[in-house]
Structure formats: C-alpha cells, structure tokens
Amino acid sequence: MKKDAPQGLRDLRQPAAQEPPKITFPCDYSLKVVGDAADDFPACVCQVIVRHAPDFDATTMQVVDSRNGRFQSVRVMIRATSEQHIKDLFEDLKATGRVHMVV
C-alpha cells in the first residue's frame, strides 16, 4: 500500500512539472558564444549578430580567452523581439561551423 506524502510536500518519486521560464518580449538578451580562438572569431560572431539585431553596438562586445588560449567566448547583449528571433540567431551562429556553444 502506497503512503501519500504529507500535505504540503510533494512525492519525490514523481517528477515535478516544470514550466519554461517566461520571457516578456521585447527584452535585452545576453548571449555568450564559444568557439575556437582565432583573430577573426569575434568578427564572425558580430556579422551574424548584426544580421539578426541591426541595432547591435559592436563596441559593447566582450571577448574572453580561455585559460589555455584554445577557446574564446564572445559576450553580447541584443534586443530580442521574440522566442523565434532568439532561435533563428542561435541556428545561424551554429551554422557558421565555428561556434561550439551558445549560452
């Protein structure tokens, strides 16, 4: 016979229903794009970002090298207009073949 969890506690054997976080658009949206370190990697990322966010100010872009210098992360802030806008941007960044991860 199964015992019910005390009132106010959920049964840990059952997965919690998780809702995706709600984002209100338009909004400022931060991205970190990681790829192999190269002199032109930030420019490559910037070209894709500008296609999706023409008002992007490239002077705000931050480039950080990994500890061993093998990778670079490019941090940017864009004005996102929809969830589809973000998905399309992520897909185009990955399609460059130079991006390993977008966070």
Foldseek 3Di string as FASTA:
>chain_A
DDDADPPPDHDPVDDDDDDPDDDDPQDKDKKKWKFFDDPCPLVVLVVLVCVLAVVFDSVVWDWDADPVRGMIIIMGIGGDGDPVSVVVSVVVSVVVVGTDDMD
